[in-house]
Amino acid sequence: LTIPVSFRQELGLKPGRKIAVSLTAGV
């Protein structure tokens, strides 16, 4: 999935950047 550009800009996420993804209680 694509993270919306406004979110990437706000967080300073660049291509190749590692992120953490977790699943808790269906979220």
mmCIF file of all heavy atoms, coordinates in Angstrom:
data_MODEL
# 
_entry.id   MODEL 
# 
loop_
_atom_site.group_PDB 
_atom_site.id 
_atom_site.type_symbol 
_atom_site.label_atom_id 
_atom_site.label_alt_id 
_atom_site.label_comp_id 
_atom_site.label_asym_id 
_atom_site.label_entity_id 
_atom_site.label_seq_id 
_atom_site.pdbx_PDB_ins_code 
_atom_site.Cartn_x 
_atom_site.Cartn_y 
_atom_site.Cartn_z 
_atom_site.occupancy 
_atom_site.B_iso_or_equiv 
_atom_site.pdbx_formal_charge 
_atom_site.auth_seq_id 
_atom_site.auth_comp_id 
_atom_site.auth_asym_id 
_atom_site.auth_atom_id 
_atom_site.pdbx_PDB_model_num 
ATOM 1   N N   . LEU A 1 1  ? 0.848  -1.184 0.000  1.00 0.00 ? 1  LEU A N   1 
ATOM 2   C CA  . LEU A 1 1  ? 0.000  0.000  0.000  1.00 0.00 ? 1  LEU A CA  1 
ATOM 3   C C   . LEU A 1 1  ? 0.885  1.236  0.000  1.00 0.00 ? 1  LEU A C   1 
ATOM 4   O O   . LEU A 1 1  ? 2.046  1.181  0.379  1.00 0.00 ? 1  LEU A O   1 
ATOM 5   C CB  . LEU A 1 1  ? -0.974 0.015  1.188  1.00 0.00 ? 1  LEU A CB  1 
ATOM 6   C CG  . LEU A 1 1  ? -0.393 0.001  2.596  1.00 0.00 ? 1  LEU A CG  1 
ATOM 7   C CD1 . LEU A 1 1  ? -0.213 1.416  3.093  1.00 0.00 ? 1  LEU A CD1 1 
ATOM 8   C CD2 . LEU A 1 1  ? -1.336 -0.754 3.500  1.00 0.00 ? 1  LEU A CD2 1 
ATOM 9   N N   . THR A 1 2  ? 0.338  2.327  -0.434 1.00 0.00 ? 2  THR A N   1 
ATOM 10  C CA  . THR A 1 2  ? 1.076  3.583  -0.498 1.00 0.00 ? 2  THR A CA  1 
ATOM 11  C C   . THR A 1 2  ? 0.682  4.449  0.689  1.00 0.00 ? 2  THR A C   1 
ATOM 12  O O   . THR A 1 2  ? -0.502 4.658  0.953  1.00 0.00 ? 2  THR A O   1 
ATOM 13  C CB  . THR A 1 2  ? 0.750  4.334  -1.808 1.00 0.00 ? 2  THR A CB  1 
ATOM 14  O OG1 . THR A 1 2  ? 1.126  3.507  -2.901 1.00 0.00 ? 2  THR A OG1 1 
ATOM 15  C CG2 . THR A 1 2  ? 1.474  5.661  -1.891 1.00 0.00 ? 2  THR A CG2 1 
ATOM 16  N N   . ILE A 1 3  ? 1.686  4.936  1.411  1.00 0.00 ? 3  ILE A N   1 
ATOM 17  C CA  . ILE A 1 3  ? 1.433  5.892  2.490  1.00 0.00 ? 3  ILE A CA  1 
ATOM 18  C C   . ILE A 1 3  ? 1.219  7.243  1.822  1.00 0.00 ? 3  ILE A C   1 
ATOM 19  O O   . ILE A 1 3  ? 2.060  7.685  1.024  1.00 0.00 ? 3  ILE A O   1 
ATOM 20  C CB  . ILE A 1 3  ? 2.616  5.945  3.476  1.00 0.00 ? 3  ILE A CB  1 
ATOM 21  C CG1 . ILE A 1 3  ? 2.831  4.566  4.120  1.00 0.00 ? 3  ILE A CG1 1 
ATOM 22  C CG2 . ILE A 1 3  ? 2.385  7.015  4.539  1.00 0.00 ? 3  ILE A CG2 1 
ATOM 23  C CD1 . ILE A 1 3  ? 4.095  4.461  4.941  1.00 0.00 ? 3  ILE A CD1 1 
ATOM 24  N N   . PRO A 1 4  ? 0.119  7.922  2.099  1.00 0.00 ? 4  PRO A N   1 
ATOM 25  C CA  . PRO A 1 4  ? -0.159 9.207  1.439  1.00 0.00 ? 4  PRO A CA  1 
ATOM 26  C C   . PRO A 1 4  ? 1.012  10.181 1.569  1.00 0.00 ? 4  PRO A C   1 
ATOM 27  O O   . PRO A 1 4  ? 1.698  10.232 2.598  1.00 0.00 ? 4  PRO A O   1 
ATOM 28  C CB  . PRO A 1 4  ? -1.392 9.720  2.173  1.00 0.00 ? 4  PRO A CB  1 
ATOM 29  C CG  . PRO A 1 4  ? -2.075 8.480  2.658  1.00 0.00 ? 4  PRO A CG  1 
ATOM 30  C CD  . PRO A 1 4  ? -0.946 7.546  3.029  1.00 0.00 ? 4  PRO A CD  1 
ATOM 31  N N   . VAL A 1 5  ? 1.245  10.945 0.516  1.00 0.00 ? 5  VAL A N   1 
ATOM 32  C CA  . VAL A 1 5  ? 2.381  11.860 0.454  1.00 0.00 ? 5  VAL A CA  1 
ATOM 33  C C   . VAL A 1 5  ? 2.393  12.844 1.616  1.00 0.00 ? 5  VAL A C   1 
ATOM 34  O O   . VAL A 1 5  ? 3.448  13.148 2.173  1.00 0.00 ? 5  VAL A O   1 
ATOM 35  C CB  . VAL A 1 5  ? 2.453  12.588 -0.912 1.00 0.00 ? 5  VAL A CB  1 
ATOM 36  C CG1 . VAL A 1 5  ? 1.285  13.544 -1.095 1.00 0.00 ? 5  VAL A CG1 1 
ATOM 37  C CG2 . VAL A 1 5  ? 3.776  13.299 -1.079 1.00 0.00 ? 5  VAL A CG2 1 
ATOM 38  N N   . SER A 1 6  ? 1.226  13.336 2.031  1.00 0.00 ? 6  SER A N   1 
ATOM 39  C CA  . SER A 1 6  ? 1.195  14.301 3.143  1.00 0.00 ? 6  SER A CA  1 
ATOM 40  C C   . SER A 1 6  ? 1.701  13.660 4.438  1.00 0.00 ? 6  SER A C   1 
ATOM 41  O O   . SER A 1 6  ? 2.383  14.308 5.228  1.00 0.00 ? 6  SER A O   1 
ATOM 42  C CB  . SER A 1 6  ? -0.212 14.862 3.336  1.00 0.00 ? 6  SER A CB  1 
ATOM 43  O OG  . SER A 1 6  ? -1.125 13.827 3.657  1.00 0.00 ? 6  SER A OG  1 
ATOM 44  N N   . PHE A 1 7  ? 1.406  12.380 4.648  1.00 0.00 ? 7  PHE A N   1 
ATOM 45  C CA  . PHE A 1 7  ? 1.894  11.672 5.834  1.00 0.00 ? 7  PHE A CA  1 
ATOM 46  C C   . PHE A 1 7  ? 3.405  11.479 5.746  1.00 0.00 ? 7  PHE A C   1 
ATOM 47  O O   . PHE A 1 7  ? 4.125  11.661 6.722  1.00 0.00 ? 7  PHE A O   1 
ATOM 48  C CB  . PHE A 1 7  ? 1.225  10.303 5.979  1.00 0.00 ? 7  PHE A CB  1 
ATOM 49  C CG  . PHE A 1 7  ? -0.247 10.347 6.323  1.00 0.00 ? 7  PHE A CG  1 
ATOM 50  C CD1 . PHE A 1 7  ? -0.960 11.537 6.442  1.00 0.00 ? 7  PHE A CD1 1 
ATOM 51  C CD2 . PHE A 1 7  ? -0.937 9.169  6.514  1.00 0.00 ? 7  PHE A CD2 1 
ATOM 52  C CE1 . PHE A 1 7  ? -2.303 11.552 6.758  1.00 0.00 ? 7  PHE A CE1 1 
ATOM 53  C CE2 . PHE A 1 7  ? -2.289 9.162  6.834  1.00 0.00 ? 7  PHE A CE2 1 
ATOM 54  C CZ  . PHE A 1 7  ? -2.976 10.354 6.957  1.00 0.00 ? 7  PHE A CZ  1 
ATOM 55  N N   . ARG A 1 8  ? 3.881  11.070 4.561  1.00 0.00 ? 8  ARG A N   1 
ATOM 56  C CA  . ARG A 1 8  ? 5.327  10.868 4.379  1.00 0.00 ? 8  ARG A CA  1 
ATOM 57  C C   . ARG A 1 8  ? 6.086  12.168 4.596  1.00 0.00 ? 8  ARG A C   1 
ATOM 58  O O   . ARG A 1 8  ? 7.144  12.185 5.241  1.00 0.00 ? 8  ARG A O   1 
ATOM 59  C CB  . ARG A 1 8  ? 5.617  10.305 2.988  1.00 0.00 ? 8  ARG A CB  1 
ATOM 60  C CG  . ARG A 1 8  ? 5.088  8.895  2.793  1.00 0.00 ? 8  ARG A CG  1 
ATOM 61  C CD  . ARG A 1 8  ? 5.627  8.218  1.544  1.00 0.00 ? 8  ARG A CD  1 
ATOM 62  N NE  . ARG A 1 8  ? 5.684  9.038  0.355  1.00 0.00 ? 8  ARG A NE  1 
ATOM 63  C CZ  . ARG A 1 8  ? 4.743  9.087  -0.586 1.00 0.00 ? 8  ARG A CZ  1 
ATOM 64  N NH1 . ARG A 1 8  ? 3.637  8.370  -0.471 1.00 0.00 ? 8  ARG A NH1 1 
ATOM 65  N NH2 . ARG A 1 8  ? 4.897  9.845  -1.647 1.00 0.00 ? 8  ARG A NH2 1 
ATOM 66  N N   . GLN A 1 9  ? 5.547  13.258 4.093  1.00 0.00 ? 9  GLN A N   1 
ATOM 67  C CA  . GLN A 1 9  ? 6.209  14.550 4.261  1.00 0.00 ? 9  GLN A CA  1 
ATOM 68  C C   . GLN A 1 9  ? 6.238  14.965 5.729  1.00 0.00 ? 9  GLN A C   1 
ATOM 69  O O   . GLN A 1 9  ? 7.267  15.416 6.232  1.00 0.00 ? 9  GLN A O   1 
ATOM 70  C CB  . GLN A 1 9  ? 5.501  15.624 3.426  1.00 0.00 ? 9  GLN A CB  1 
ATOM 71  C CG  . GLN A 1 9  ? 5.745  15.469 1.947  1.00 0.00 ? 9  GLN A CG  1 
ATOM 72  C CD  . GLN A 1 9  ? 4.899  16.425 1.113  1.00 0.00 ? 9  GLN A CD  1 
ATOM 73  O OE1 . GLN A 1 9  ? 3.872  16.937 1.557  1.00 0.00 ? 9  GLN A OE1 1 
ATOM 74  N NE2 . GLN A 1 9  ? 5.336  16.637 -0.126 1.00 0.00 ? 9  GLN A NE2 1 
ATOM 75  N N   . GLU A 1 10 ? 5.113  14.796 6.402  1.00 0.00 ? 10 GLU A N   1 
ATOM 76  C CA  . GLU A 1 10 ? 5.036  15.189 7.808  1.00 0.00 ? 10 GLU A CA  1 
ATOM 77  C C   . GLU A 1 10 ? 6.017  14.389 8.671  1.00 0.00 ? 10 GLU A C   1 
ATOM 78  O O   . GLU A 1 10 ? 6.621  14.921 9.602  1.00 0.00 ? 10 GLU A O   1 
ATOM 79  C CB  . GLU A 1 10 ? 3.615  15.001 8.344  1.00 0.00 ? 10 GLU A CB  1 
ATOM 80  C CG  . GLU A 1 10 ? 3.437  15.541 9.737  1.00 0.00 ? 10 GLU A CG  1 
ATOM 81  C CD  . GLU A 1 10 ? 1.979  15.549 10.185 1.00 0.00 ? 10 GLU A CD  1 
ATOM 82  O OE1 . GLU A 1 10 ? 1.091  15.746 9.342  1.00 0.00 ? 10 GLU A OE1 1 
ATOM 83  O OE2 . GLU A 1 10 ? 1.754  15.355 11.392 1.00 0.00 ? 10 GLU A OE2 1 
ATOM 84  N N   . LEU A 1 11 ? 6.206  13.109 8.342  1.00 0.00 ? 11 LEU A N   1 
ATOM 85  C CA  . LEU A 1 11 ? 7.106  12.251 9.110  1.00 0.00 ? 11 LEU A CA  1 
ATOM 86  C C   . LEU A 1 11 ? 8.539  12.243 8.579  1.00 0.00 ? 11 LEU A C   1 
ATOM 87  O O   . LEU A 1 11 ? 9.424  11.665 9.196  1.00 0.00 ? 11 LEU A O   1 
ATOM 88  C CB  . LEU A 1 11 ? 6.568  10.812 9.124  1.00 0.00 ? 11 LEU A CB  1 
ATOM 89  C CG  . LEU A 1 11 ? 5.244  10.623 9.851  1.00 0.00 ? 11 LEU A CG  1 
ATOM 90  C CD1 . LEU A 1 11 ? 4.718  9.209  9.634  1.00 0.00 ? 11 LEU A CD1 1 
ATOM 91  C CD2 . LEU A 1 11 ? 5.408  10.911 11.337 1.00 0.00 ? 11 LEU A CD2 1 
ATOM 92  N N   . GLY A 1 12 ? 8.745  12.864 7.435  1.00 0.00 ? 12 GLY A N   1 
ATOM 93  C CA  . GLY A 1 12 ? 10.089 12.882 6.850  1.00 0.00 ? 12 GLY A CA  1 
ATOM 94  C C   . GLY A 1 12 ? 10.520 11.527 6.314  1.00 0.00 ? 12 GLY A C   1 
ATOM 95  O O   . GLY A 1 12 ? 11.705 11.211 6.307  1.00 0.00 ? 12 GLY A O   1 
ATOM 96  N N   . LEU A 1 13 ? 9.554  10.709 5.886  1.00 0.00 ? 13 LEU A N   1 
ATOM 97  C CA  . LEU A 1 13 ? 9.871  9.380  5.366  1.00 0.00 ? 13 LEU A CA  1 
ATOM 98  C C   . LEU A 1 13 ? 10.362 9.468  3.927  1.00 0.00 ? 13 LEU A C   1 
ATOM 99  O O   . LEU A 1 13 ? 9.716  10.074 3.093  1.00 0.00 ? 13 LEU A O   1 
ATOM 100 C CB  . LEU A 1 13 ? 8.638  8.476  5.441  1.00 0.00 ? 13 LEU A CB  1 
ATOM 101 C CG  . LEU A 1 13 ? 8.072  8.225  6.836  1.00 0.00 ? 13 LEU A CG  1 
ATOM 102 C CD1 . LEU A 1 13 ? 6.790  7.403  6.752  1.00 0.00 ? 13 LEU A CD1 1 
ATOM 103 C CD2 . LEU A 1 13 ? 9.100  7.522  7.708  1.00 0.00 ? 13 LEU A CD2 1 
ATOM 104 N N   . LYS A 1 14 ? 11.493 8.867  3.672  1.00 0.00 ? 14 LYS A N   1 
ATOM 105 C CA  . LYS A 1 14 ? 12.105 8.864  2.340  1.00 0.00 ? 14 LYS A CA  1 
ATOM 106 C C   . LYS A 1 14 ? 12.165 7.429  1.820  1.00 0.00 ? 14 LYS A C   1 
ATOM 107 O O   . LYS A 1 14 ? 12.148 6.480  2.606  1.00 0.00 ? 14 LYS A O   1 
ATOM 108 C CB  . LYS A 1 14 ? 13.532 9.429  2.407  1.00 0.00 ? 14 LYS A CB  1 
ATOM 109 C CG  . LYS A 1 14 ? 13.633 10.819 2.994  1.00 0.00 ? 14 LYS A CG  1 
ATOM 110 C CD  . LYS A 1 14 ? 13.145 11.852 2.034  1.00 0.00 ? 14 LYS A CD  1 
ATOM 111 C CE  . LYS A 1 14 ? 13.346 13.244 2.638  1.00 0.00 ? 14 LYS A CE  1 
ATOM 112 N NZ  . LYS A 1 14 ? 12.563 14.240 2.031  1.00 0.00 ? 14 LYS A NZ  1 
ATOM 113 N N   . PRO A 1 15 ? 12.273 7.231  0.505  1.00 0.00 ? 15 PRO A N   1 
ATOM 114 C CA  . PRO A 1 15 ? 12.392 5.876  -0.044 1.00 0.00 ? 15 PRO A CA  1 
ATOM 115 C C   . PRO A 1 15 ? 13.558 5.121  0.593  1.00 0.00 ? 15 PRO A C   1 
ATOM 116 O O   . PRO A 1 15 ? 14.620 5.688  0.844  1.00 0.00 ? 15 PRO A O   1 
ATOM 117 C CB  . PRO A 1 15 ? 12.653 6.120  -1.528 1.00 0.00 ? 15 PRO A CB  1 
ATOM 118 C CG  . PRO A 1 15 ? 12.017 7.444  -1.802 1.00 0.00 ? 15 PRO A CG  1 
ATOM 119 C CD  . PRO A 1 15 ? 12.245 8.246  -0.548 1.00 0.00 ? 15 PRO A CD  1 
ATOM 120 N N   . GLY A 1 16 ? 13.327 3.856  0.914  1.00 0.00 ? 16 GLY A N   1 
ATOM 121 C CA  . GLY A 1 16 ? 14.360 3.028  1.530  1.00 0.00 ? 16 GLY A CA  1 
ATOM 122 C C   . GLY A 1 16 ? 14.373 3.081  3.043  1.00 0.00 ? 16 GLY A C   1 
ATOM 123 O O   . GLY A 1 16 ? 15.058 2.312  3.692  1.00 0.00 ? 16 GLY A O   1 
ATOM 124 N N   . ARG A 1 17 ? 13.627 3.998  3.618  1.00 0.00 ? 17 ARG A N   1 
ATOM 125 C CA  . ARG A 1 17 ? 13.580 4.156  5.078  1.00 0.00 ? 17 ARG A CA  1 
ATOM 126 C C   . ARG A 1 17 ? 12.854 2.975  5.699  1.00 0.00 ? 17 ARG A C   1 
ATOM 127 O O   . ARG A 1 17 ? 11.830 2.525  5.200  1.00 0.00 ? 17 ARG A O   1 
ATOM 128 C CB  . ARG A 1 17 ? 12.851 5.459  5.407  1.00 0.00 ? 17 ARG A CB  1 
ATOM 129 C CG  . ARG A 1 17 ? 12.696 5.790  6.861  1.00 0.00 ? 17 ARG A CG  1 
ATOM 130 C CD  . ARG A 1 17 ? 13.836 6.660  7.329  1.00 0.00 ? 17 ARG A CD  1 
ATOM 131 N NE  . ARG A 1 17 ? 13.708 6.983  8.716  1.00 0.00 ? 17 ARG A NE  1 
ATOM 132 C CZ  . ARG A 1 17 ? 13.254 8.141  9.185  1.00 0.00 ? 17 ARG A CZ  1 
ATOM 133 N NH1 . ARG A 1 17 ? 12.896 9.093  8.358  1.00 0.00 ? 17 ARG A NH1 1 
ATOM 134 N NH2 . ARG A 1 17 ? 13.193 8.351  10.472 1.00 0.00 ? 17 ARG A NH2 1 
ATOM 135 N N   . LYS A 1 18 ? 13.350 2.453  6.795  1.00 0.00 ? 18 LYS A N   1 
ATOM 136 C CA  . LYS A 1 18 ? 12.724 1.344  7.500  1.00 0.00 ? 18 LYS A CA  1 
ATOM 137 C C   . LYS A 1 18 ? 11.662 1.882  8.450  1.00 0.00 ? 18 LYS A C   1 
ATOM 138 O O   . LYS A 1 18 ? 11.858 2.907  9.099  1.00 0.00 ? 18 LYS A O   1 
ATOM 139 C CB  . LYS A 1 18 ? 13.757 0.560  8.310  1.00 0.00 ? 18 LYS A CB  1 
ATOM 140 C CG  . LYS A 1 18 ? 14.851 -0.057 7.486  1.00 0.00 ? 18 LYS A CG  1 
ATOM 141 C CD  . LYS A 1 18 ? 14.350 -1.250 6.743  1.00 0.00 ? 18 LYS A CD  1 
ATOM 142 C CE  . LYS A 1 18 ? 15.502 -1.937 6.021  1.00 0.00 ? 18 LYS A CE  1 
ATOM 143 N NZ  . LYS A 1 18 ? 15.050 -3.043 5.217  1.00 0.00 ? 18 LYS A NZ  1 
ATOM 144 N N   . ILE A 1 19 ? 10.527 1.180  8.508  1.00 0.00 ? 19 ILE A N   1 
ATOM 145 C CA  . ILE A 1 19 ? 9.470  1.534  9.435  1.00 0.00 ? 19 ILE A CA  1 
ATOM 146 C C   . ILE A 1 19 ? 9.049  0.276  10.187 1.00 0.00 ? 19 ILE A C   1 
ATOM 147 O O   . ILE A 1 19 ? 9.316  -0.840 9.749  1.00 0.00 ? 19 ILE A O   1 
ATOM 148 C CB  . ILE A 1 19 ? 8.247  2.168  8.723  1.00 0.00 ? 19 ILE A CB  1 
ATOM 149 C CG1 . ILE A 1 19 ? 7.688  1.230  7.657  1.00 0.00 ? 19 ILE A CG1 1 
ATOM 150 C CG2 . ILE A 1 19 ? 8.597  3.508  8.122  1.00 0.00 ? 19 ILE A CG2 1 
ATOM 151 C CD1 . ILE A 1 19 ? 6.381  1.700  7.059  1.00 0.00 ? 19 ILE A CD1 1 
ATOM 152 N N   . ALA A 1 20 ? 8.416  0.466  11.329 1.00 0.00 ? 20 ALA A N   1 
ATOM 153 C CA  . ALA A 1 20 ? 7.924  -0.657 12.128 1.00 0.00 ? 20 ALA A CA  1 
ATOM 154 C C   . ALA A 1 20 ? 6.415  -0.764 11.922 1.00 0.00 ? 20 ALA A C   1 
ATOM 155 O O   . ALA A 1 20 ? 5.704  0.237  11.946 1.00 0.00 ? 20 ALA A O   1 
ATOM 156 C CB  . ALA A 1 20 ? 8.245  -0.430 13.591 1.00 0.00 ? 20 ALA A CB  1 
ATOM 157 N N   . VAL A 1 21 ? 5.931  -1.994 11.709 1.00 0.00 ? 21 VAL A N   1 
ATOM 158 C CA  . VAL A 1 21 ? 4.511  -2.244 11.521 1.00 0.00 ? 21 VAL A CA  1 
ATOM 159 C C   . VAL A 1 21 ? 4.091  -3.267 12.573 1.00 0.00 ? 21 VAL A C   1 
ATOM 160 O O   . VAL A 1 21 ? 4.733  -4.304 12.717 1.00 0.00 ? 21 VAL A O   1 
ATOM 161 C CB  . VAL A 1 21 ? 4.225  -2.794 10.105 1.00 0.00 ? 21 VAL A CB  1 
ATOM 162 C CG1 . VAL A 1 21 ? 2.746  -3.050 9.908  1.00 0.00 ? 21 VAL A CG1 1 
ATOM 163 C CG2 . VAL A 1 21 ? 4.751  -1.849 9.037  1.00 0.00 ? 21 VAL A CG2 1 
ATOM 164 N N   . SER A 1 22 ? 3.040  -2.959 13.325 1.00 0.00 ? 22 SER A N   1 
ATOM 165 C CA  . SER A 1 22 ? 2.583  -3.893 14.347 1.00 0.00 ? 22 SER A CA  1 
ATOM 166 C C   . SER A 1 22 ? 1.071  -4.055 14.266 1.00 0.00 ? 22 SER A C   1 
ATOM 167 O O   . SER A 1 22 ? 0.364  -3.203 13.743 1.00 0.00 ? 22 SER A O   1 
ATOM 168 C CB  . SER A 1 22 ? 3.004  -3.425 15.742 1.00 0.00 ? 22 SER A CB  1 
ATOM 169 O OG  . SER A 1 22 ? 2.486  -2.140 16.005 1.00 0.00 ? 22 SER A OG  1 
ATOM 170 N N   . LEU A 1 23 ? 0.608  -5.186 14.785 1.00 0.00 ? 23 LEU A N   1 
ATOM 171 C CA  . LEU A 1 23 ? -0.818 -5.488 14.805 1.00 0.00 ? 23 LEU A CA  1 
ATOM 172 C C   . LEU A 1 23 ? -1.223 -5.757 16.244 1.00 0.00 ? 23 LEU A C   1 
ATOM 173 O O   . LEU A 1 23 ? -0.677 -6.650 16.900 1.00 0.00 ? 23 LEU A O   1 
ATOM 174 C CB  . LEU A 1 23 ? -1.102 -6.725 13.939 1.00 0.00 ? 23 LEU A CB  1 
ATOM 175 C CG  . LEU A 1 23 ? -2.535 -7.234 13.909 1.00 0.00 ? 23 LEU A CG  1 
ATOM 176 C CD1 . LEU A 1 23 ? -3.461 -6.192 13.284 1.00 0.00 ? 23 LEU A CD1 1 
ATOM 177 C CD2 . LEU A 1 23 ? -2.600 -8.537 13.127 1.00 0.00 ? 23 LEU A CD2 1 
ATOM 178 N N   . THR A 1 24 ? -2.161 -4.959 16.761 1.00 0.00 ? 24 THR A N   1 
ATOM 179 C CA  . THR A 1 24 ? -2.643 -5.116 18.129 1.00 0.00 ? 24 THR A CA  1 
ATOM 180 C C   . THR A 1 24 ? -4.163 -4.987 18.133 1.00 0.00 ? 24 THR A C   1 
ATOM 181 O O   . THR A 1 24 ? -4.679 -3.949 17.715 1.00 0.00 ? 24 THR A O   1 
ATOM 182 C CB  . THR A 1 24 ? -2.030 -4.039 19.059 1.00 0.00 ? 24 THR A CB  1 
ATOM 183 O OG1 . THR A 1 24 ? -0.617 -4.083 18.942 1.00 0.00 ? 24 THR A OG1 1 
ATOM 184 C CG2 . THR A 1 24 ? -2.430 -4.265 20.503 1.00 0.00 ? 24 THR A CG2 1 
ATOM 185 N N   . ALA A 1 25 ? -4.819 -6.015 18.574 1.00 0.00 ? 25 ALA A N   1 
ATOM 186 C CA  . ALA A 1 25 ? -6.283 -6.004 18.686 1.00 0.00 ? 25 ALA A CA  1 
ATOM 187 C C   . ALA A 1 25 ? -6.957 -5.555 17.394 1.00 0.00 ? 25 ALA A C   1 
ATOM 188 O O   . ALA A 1 25 ? -7.867 -4.744 17.407 1.00 0.00 ? 25 ALA A O   1 
ATOM 189 C CB  . ALA A 1 25 ? -6.720 -5.135 19.868 1.00 0.00 ? 25 ALA A CB  1 
ATOM 190 N N   . GLY A 1 26 ? -6.473 -6.063 16.266 1.00 0.00 ? 26 GLY A N   1 
ATOM 191 C CA  . GLY A 1 26 ? -7.082 -5.759 14.980 1.00 0.00 ? 26 GLY A CA  1 
ATOM 192 C C   . GLY A 1 26 ? -6.744 -4.402 14.395 1.00 0.00 ? 26 GLY A C   1 
ATOM 193 O O   . GLY A 1 26 ? -7.334 -3.988 13.408 1.00 0.00 ? 26 GLY A O   1 
ATOM 194 N N   . VAL A 1 27 ? -5.788 -3.696 15.002 1.00 0.00 ? 27 VAL A N   1 
ATOM 195 C CA  . VAL A 1 27 ? -5.381 -2.372 14.512 1.00 0.00 ? 27 VAL A CA  1 
ATOM 196 C C   . VAL A 1 27 ? -3.934 -2.439 14.036 1.00 0.00 ? 27 VAL A C   1 
ATOM 197 O O   . VAL A 1 27 ? -3.051 -2.865 14.787 1.00 0.00 ? 27 VAL A O   1 
ATOM 198 C CB  . VAL A 1 27 ? -5.524 -1.303 15.620 1.00 0.00 ? 27 VAL A CB  1 
ATOM 199 C CG1 . VAL A 1 27 ? -5.011 0.051  15.133 1.00 0.00 ? 27 VAL A CG1 1 
ATOM 200 C CG2 . VAL A 1 27 ? -6.963 -1.199 16.084 1.00 0.00 ? 27 VAL A CG2 1 
# 
